[in-house]
Amino acid sequence: AKIMKERFHAQNEKSMWLKFSTGGMGGGMTEQQPLNNISRISFYALAAALAGSRSMNLPCFDEAYAIPTDEAIRTSLRIQQIIAHEIGIPDVVDPLGGSYYVESLTDQGRIQA
């Protein structure tokens, strides 16, 4: 937002919003011990939610070796629902706001841009 306002003189507030969605990650799934892929998917989804992703397309835990089963599809959906409704990350604007580490990375990125 700061770069858009200062460098490009943006006036419209919507032009300063960062909207993105996440997807993919199917290449990170392993055929061996496919249930461990549930943890991989969960961490990926958590990271995407903490980063502010507006939507995500998660792979299924059995996608490395088969067309996803109904159980695998349901599991990926439940991961998203747990993050949204039980953990409550989407309930706040910036869940990592105030984190010294994250704020310093943001400042570095702004300086490099």
N, C-alpha and C. Protein backbone atom coordinates (compact mmCIF):
# COMPACT_ATOMS: atom_id res chain seq x y z
N ALA A 1 0.83 -1.18 0.00
CA ALA A 1 0.00 0.00 0.00
C ALA A 1 0.88 1.25 0.00
N LYS A 2 1.92 1.21 0.81
CA LYS A 2 2.80 2.37 0.91
C LYS A 2 3.49 2.66 -0.42
N ILE A 3 3.96 1.62 -1.09
CA ILE A 3 4.62 1.80 -2.39
C ILE A 3 3.63 2.35 -3.41
N MET A 4 2.43 1.80 -3.44
CA MET A 4 1.42 2.27 -4.39
C MET A 4 1.11 3.75 -4.16
N LYS A 5 1.02 4.13 -2.89
CA LYS A 5 0.67 5.52 -2.58
C LYS A 5 1.83 6.47 -2.86
N GLU A 6 3.03 6.12 -2.42
CA GLU A 6 4.17 7.03 -2.53
C GLU A 6 4.79 7.04 -3.92
N ARG A 7 5.02 5.87 -4.50
CA ARG A 7 5.70 5.82 -5.79
C ARG A 7 4.76 6.08 -6.96
N PHE A 8 3.56 5.51 -6.89
CA PHE A 8 2.64 5.61 -8.01
C PHE A 8 1.51 6.61 -7.77
N HIS A 9 1.51 7.25 -6.61
CA HIS A 9 0.53 8.29 -6.27
C HIS A 9 -0.91 7.78 -6.40
N ALA A 10 -1.14 6.58 -5.95
CA ALA A 10 -2.49 5.99 -6.02
C ALA A 10 -3.43 6.80 -5.13
N GLN A 11 -4.62 7.05 -5.64
CA GLN A 11 -5.64 7.80 -4.91
C GLN A 11 -6.76 6.88 -4.41
N ASN A 12 -7.08 5.89 -5.22
CA ASN A 12 -8.17 4.98 -4.89
C ASN A 12 -7.68 3.95 -3.88
N GLU A 13 -8.36 3.86 -2.75
CA GLU A 13 -7.96 2.94 -1.69
C GLU A 13 -7.90 1.49 -2.17
N LYS A 14 -8.81 1.11 -3.05
CA LYS A 14 -8.84 -0.27 -3.54
C LYS A 14 -7.60 -0.62 -4.35
N SER A 15 -6.98 0.37 -4.98
CA SER A 15 -5.77 0.08 -5.75
C SER A 15 -4.58 -0.21 -4.84
N MET A 16 -4.73 0.04 -3.55
CA MET A 16 -3.65 -0.22 -2.60
C MET A 16 -3.83 -1.56 -1.88
N TRP A 17 -4.91 -2.25 -2.16
CA TRP A 17 -5.14 -3.55 -1.55
C TRP A 17 -4.31 -4.61 -2.25
N LEU A 18 -3.86 -5.58 -1.49
CA LEU A 18 -3.19 -6.74 -2.08
C LEU A 18 -4.15 -7.92 -2.00
N LYS A 19 -4.60 -8.37 -3.14
CA LYS A 19 -5.51 -9.52 -3.18
C LYS A 19 -4.80 -10.64 -3.90
N PHE A 20 -4.76 -11.80 -3.29
CA PHE A 20 -4.14 -12.94 -3.96
C PHE A 20 -4.78 -14.22 -3.47
N SER A 21 -4.66 -15.23 -4.29
CA SER A 21 -5.13 -16.56 -3.90
C SER A 21 -3.95 -17.52 -4.04
N THR A 22 -4.05 -18.63 -3.37
CA THR A 22 -2.97 -19.61 -3.39
C THR A 22 -3.50 -20.93 -3.91
N GLY A 23 -2.62 -21.68 -4.51
CA GLY A 23 -3.03 -22.97 -5.03
C GLY A 23 -1.82 -23.78 -5.44
N GLY A 24 -2.08 -24.97 -5.82
CA GLY A 24 -0.98 -25.82 -6.26
C GLY A 24 -0.45 -26.66 -5.13
N MET A 25 0.85 -26.78 -5.06
CA MET A 25 1.56 -27.53 -4.05
C MET A 25 1.44 -29.02 -4.25
N GLY A 26 0.79 -29.46 -5.29
CA GLY A 26 0.65 -30.88 -5.54
C GLY A 26 1.98 -31.59 -5.69
N GLY A 27 2.98 -30.88 -6.17
CA GLY A 27 4.31 -31.47 -6.33
C GLY A 27 4.99 -31.78 -5.02
N GLY A 28 4.49 -31.22 -3.93
CA GLY A 28 5.07 -31.47 -2.62
C GLY A 28 4.51 -32.70 -1.93
N MET A 29 3.55 -33.35 -2.56
CA MET A 29 2.94 -34.54 -1.97
C MET A 29 3.82 -35.76 -2.27
N THR A 30 3.86 -36.68 -1.32
CA THR A 30 4.64 -37.90 -1.53
C THR A 30 3.73 -39.11 -1.61
N GLU A 31 4.15 -40.07 -2.39
CA GLU A 31 3.38 -41.30 -2.54
C GLU A 31 3.55 -42.19 -1.31
N GLN A 32 4.74 -42.18 -0.73
CA GLN A 32 5.00 -42.98 0.46
C GLN A 32 4.36 -42.27 1.66
N GLN A 33 3.72 -43.01 2.49
CA GLN A 33 3.06 -42.50 3.69
C GLN A 33 2.17 -41.29 3.37
N PRO A 34 1.15 -41.50 2.55
CA PRO A 34 0.33 -40.39 2.08
C PRO A 34 -0.40 -39.63 3.18
N LEU A 35 -0.64 -40.26 4.33
CA LEU A 35 -1.33 -39.54 5.40
C LEU A 35 -0.48 -38.40 5.95
N ASN A 36 0.85 -38.49 5.79
CA ASN A 36 1.71 -37.37 6.18
C ASN A 36 1.46 -36.15 5.31
N ASN A 37 0.92 -36.37 4.12
CA ASN A 37 0.59 -35.25 3.25
C ASN A 37 -0.47 -34.34 3.88
N ILE A 38 -1.30 -34.89 4.76
CA ILE A 38 -2.31 -34.07 5.45
C ILE A 38 -1.61 -32.98 6.26
N SER A 39 -0.52 -33.32 6.93
CA SER A 39 0.24 -32.31 7.68
C SER A 39 0.84 -31.28 6.74
N ARG A 40 1.39 -31.74 5.64
CA ARG A 40 1.98 -30.81 4.66
C ARG A 40 0.92 -29.83 4.16
N ILE A 41 -0.23 -30.35 3.82
CA ILE A 41 -1.32 -29.51 3.31
C ILE A 41 -1.77 -28.52 4.39
N SER A 42 -1.86 -28.99 5.62
CA SER A 42 -2.31 -28.13 6.72
C SER A 42 -1.35 -26.98 6.95
N PHE A 43 -0.05 -27.26 6.95
CA PHE A 43 0.94 -26.19 7.14
C PHE A 43 0.90 -25.20 5.98
N TYR A 44 0.75 -25.71 4.78
CA TYR A 44 0.64 -24.85 3.60
C TYR A 44 -0.58 -23.94 3.72
N ALA A 45 -1.70 -24.51 4.11
CA ALA A 45 -2.93 -23.73 4.24
C ALA A 45 -2.82 -22.70 5.36
N LEU A 46 -2.20 -23.09 6.47
CA LEU A 46 -2.02 -22.15 7.58
C LEU A 46 -1.14 -20.98 7.15
N ALA A 47 -0.04 -21.28 6.46
CA ALA A 47 0.85 -20.22 5.98
C ALA A 47 0.11 -19.29 5.01
N ALA A 48 -0.68 -19.87 4.12
CA ALA A 48 -1.43 -19.05 3.17
C ALA A 48 -2.43 -18.16 3.89
N ALA A 49 -3.11 -18.70 4.89
CA ALA A 49 -4.08 -17.90 5.64
C ALA A 49 -3.39 -16.79 6.43
N LEU A 50 -2.27 -17.10 7.06
CA LEU A 50 -1.54 -16.08 7.81
C LEU A 50 -1.02 -14.98 6.89
N ALA A 51 -0.71 -15.33 5.66
CA ALA A 51 -0.21 -14.35 4.69
C ALA A 51 -1.34 -13.49 4.12
N GLY A 52 -2.58 -13.89 4.37
CA GLY A 52 -3.72 -13.10 3.91
C GLY A 52 -4.35 -13.57 2.61
N SER A 53 -4.11 -14.80 2.23
CA SER A 53 -4.69 -15.33 1.00
C SER A 53 -6.21 -15.25 1.08
N ARG A 54 -6.83 -14.74 0.04
CA ARG A 54 -8.28 -14.60 0.02
C ARG A 54 -8.98 -15.90 -0.34
N SER A 55 -8.28 -16.77 -1.03
CA SER A 55 -8.82 -18.09 -1.34
C SER A 55 -7.66 -19.05 -1.56
N MET A 56 -7.93 -20.32 -1.38
CA MET A 56 -6.88 -21.31 -1.59
C MET A 56 -7.44 -22.55 -2.25
N ASN A 57 -6.61 -23.16 -3.05
CA ASN A 57 -6.95 -24.40 -3.73
C ASN A 57 -5.97 -25.45 -3.22
N LEU A 58 -6.41 -26.25 -2.28
CA LEU A 58 -5.52 -27.23 -1.65
C LEU A 58 -5.52 -28.55 -2.41
N PRO A 59 -4.37 -29.19 -2.47
CA PRO A 59 -4.33 -30.53 -3.06
C PRO A 59 -4.92 -31.54 -2.08
N CYS A 60 -5.11 -32.75 -2.54
CA CYS A 60 -5.59 -33.83 -1.69
C CYS A 60 -4.43 -34.73 -1.31
N PHE A 61 -4.54 -35.39 -0.16
CA PHE A 61 -3.40 -36.16 0.35
C PHE A 61 -3.02 -37.34 -0.52
N ASP A 62 -3.93 -37.82 -1.35
CA ASP A 62 -3.62 -38.96 -2.21
C ASP A 62 -3.34 -38.56 -3.66
N GLU A 63 -3.20 -37.28 -3.90
CA GLU A 63 -3.03 -36.77 -5.25
C GLU A 63 -1.70 -37.17 -5.90
N ALA A 64 -0.73 -37.58 -5.09
CA ALA A 64 0.58 -37.95 -5.63
C ALA A 64 0.52 -39.25 -6.43
N TYR A 65 -0.49 -40.07 -6.19
CA TYR A 65 -0.51 -41.38 -6.85
C TYR A 65 -1.88 -41.79 -7.39
N ALA A 66 -2.89 -40.95 -7.25
CA ALA A 66 -4.22 -41.37 -7.70
C ALA A 66 -5.11 -40.15 -7.93
N ILE A 67 -6.22 -40.39 -8.59
CA ILE A 67 -7.26 -39.37 -8.65
C ILE A 67 -7.81 -39.27 -7.24
N PRO A 68 -7.96 -38.07 -6.70
CA PRO A 68 -8.38 -37.93 -5.31
C PRO A 68 -9.68 -38.67 -4.99
N THR A 69 -9.67 -39.33 -3.86
CA THR A 69 -10.87 -40.03 -3.37
C THR A 69 -11.79 -39.02 -2.69
N ASP A 70 -13.02 -39.43 -2.45
CA ASP A 70 -13.96 -38.56 -1.75
C ASP A 70 -13.43 -38.20 -0.36
N GLU A 71 -12.82 -39.17 0.31
CA GLU A 71 -12.27 -38.92 1.65
C GLU A 71 -11.16 -37.86 1.59
N ALA A 72 -10.30 -37.94 0.60
CA ALA A 72 -9.20 -36.98 0.48
C ALA A 72 -9.73 -35.59 0.15
N ILE A 73 -10.73 -35.52 -0.70
CA ILE A 73 -11.34 -34.23 -1.04
C ILE A 73 -11.98 -33.61 0.20
N ARG A 74 -12.71 -34.42 0.95
CA ARG A 74 -13.36 -33.95 2.16
C ARG A 74 -12.33 -33.48 3.19
N THR A 75 -11.21 -34.19 3.29
CA THR A 75 -10.15 -33.82 4.24
C THR A 75 -9.57 -32.45 3.89
N SER A 76 -9.31 -32.20 2.62
CA SER A 76 -8.79 -30.89 2.21
C SER A 76 -9.79 -29.78 2.50
N LEU A 77 -11.05 -30.05 2.28
CA LEU A 77 -12.09 -29.07 2.59
C LEU A 77 -12.14 -28.80 4.10
N ARG A 78 -12.06 -29.86 4.90
CA ARG A 78 -12.11 -29.69 6.36
C ARG A 78 -10.91 -28.90 6.88
N ILE A 79 -9.75 -29.07 6.27
CA ILE A 79 -8.57 -28.28 6.67
C ILE A 79 -8.89 -26.79 6.52
N GLN A 80 -9.47 -26.42 5.39
CA GLN A 80 -9.82 -25.01 5.18
C GLN A 80 -10.86 -24.54 6.19
N GLN A 81 -11.84 -25.39 6.48
CA GLN A 81 -12.89 -25.00 7.42
C GLN A 81 -12.35 -24.86 8.83
N ILE A 82 -11.44 -25.72 9.23
CA ILE A 82 -10.84 -25.61 10.56
C ILE A 82 -10.08 -24.30 10.69
N ILE A 83 -9.29 -23.96 9.68
CA ILE A 83 -8.53 -22.71 9.72
C ILE A 83 -9.48 -21.51 9.76
N ALA A 84 -10.53 -21.55 8.98
CA ALA A 84 -11.45 -20.42 8.91
C ALA A 84 -12.35 -20.29 10.13
N HIS A 85 -12.85 -21.40 10.64
CA HIS A 85 -13.89 -21.32 11.67
C HIS A 85 -13.45 -21.72 13.07
N GLU A 86 -12.42 -22.51 13.20
CA GLU A 86 -11.99 -22.94 14.53
C GLU A 86 -10.78 -22.17 15.01
N ILE A 87 -9.85 -21.89 14.12
CA ILE A 87 -8.66 -21.13 14.52
C ILE A 87 -8.96 -19.64 14.47
N GLY A 88 -9.77 -19.21 13.52
CA GLY A 88 -10.21 -17.82 13.47
C GLY A 88 -9.25 -16.84 12.81
N ILE A 89 -8.33 -17.33 12.01
CA ILE A 89 -7.38 -16.43 11.35
C ILE A 89 -8.09 -15.37 10.50
N PRO A 90 -9.14 -15.72 9.75
CA PRO A 90 -9.79 -14.69 8.92
C PRO A 90 -10.55 -13.63 9.73
N ASP A 91 -10.66 -13.81 11.04
CA ASP A 91 -11.41 -12.86 11.86
C ASP A 91 -10.64 -11.57 12.13
N VAL A 92 -9.37 -11.55 11.81
CA VAL A 92 -8.56 -10.34 12.04
C VAL A 92 -7.94 -9.90 10.72
N VAL A 93 -7.66 -8.61 10.62
CA VAL A 93 -7.12 -8.06 9.38
C VAL A 93 -5.70 -8.54 9.13
N ASP A 94 -4.86 -8.49 10.16
CA ASP A 94 -3.45 -8.84 10.00
C ASP A 94 -3.03 -9.74 11.16
N PRO A 95 -3.20 -11.06 11.02
CA PRO A 95 -2.92 -11.95 12.15
C PRO A 95 -1.47 -11.94 12.61
N LEU A 96 -0.55 -11.54 11.75
CA LEU A 96 0.86 -11.48 12.14
C LEU A 96 1.30 -10.06 12.46
N GLY A 97 0.37 -9.12 12.49
CA GLY A 97 0.70 -7.72 12.78
C GLY A 97 1.35 -7.60 14.15
N GLY A 98 2.40 -6.81 14.23
CA GLY A 98 3.11 -6.63 15.49
C GLY A 98 4.25 -7.59 15.68
N SER A 99 4.36 -8.59 14.83
CA SER A 99 5.48 -9.52 14.92
C SER A 99 6.73 -8.81 14.42
N TYR A 100 7.72 -8.69 15.28
CA TYR A 100 8.95 -7.97 14.90
C TYR A 100 9.56 -8.59 13.66
N TYR A 101 9.65 -9.91 13.63
CA TYR A 101 10.29 -10.59 12.50
C TYR A 101 9.54 -10.32 11.19
N VAL A 102 8.23 -10.48 11.22
CA VAL A 102 7.44 -10.28 10.01
C VAL A 102 7.49 -8.82 9.57
N GLU A 103 7.40 -7.90 10.52
CA GLU A 103 7.45 -6.48 10.18
C GLU A 103 8.80 -6.11 9.58
N SER A 104 9.89 -6.70 10.09
CA SER A 104 11.21 -6.39 9.53
C SER A 104 11.35 -6.94 8.11
N LEU A 105 10.79 -8.12 7.86
CA LEU A 105 10.80 -8.66 6.49
C LEU A 105 9.99 -7.77 5.54
N THR A 106 8.87 -7.26 6.04
CA THR A 106 8.05 -6.36 5.23
C THR A 106 8.82 -5.09 4.89
N ASP A 107 9.51 -4.53 5.88
CA ASP A 107 10.31 -3.33 5.64
C ASP A 107 11.42 -3.59 4.64
N GLN A 108 12.08 -4.74 4.74
CA GLN A 108 13.14 -5.09 3.80
C GLN A 108 12.59 -5.19 2.38
N GLY A 109 11.45 -5.80 2.24
CA GLY A 109 10.84 -5.94 0.92
C GLY A 109 10.46 -4.60 0.33
N ARG A 110 9.98 -3.70 1.18
CA ARG A 110 9.60 -2.38 0.71
C ARG A 110 10.83 -1.59 0.27
N ILE A 111 11.92 -1.71 1.01
CA ILE A 111 13.17 -1.02 0.66
C ILE A 111 13.72 -1.54 -0.66
N GLN A 112 13.67 -2.86 -0.85
CA GLN A 112 14.21 -3.47 -2.07
C GLN A 112 13.35 -3.17 -3.29
N ALA A 113 12.07 -2.93 -3.06
CA ALA A 113 11.17 -2.64 -4.19
C ALA A 113 11.47 -1.26 -4.67
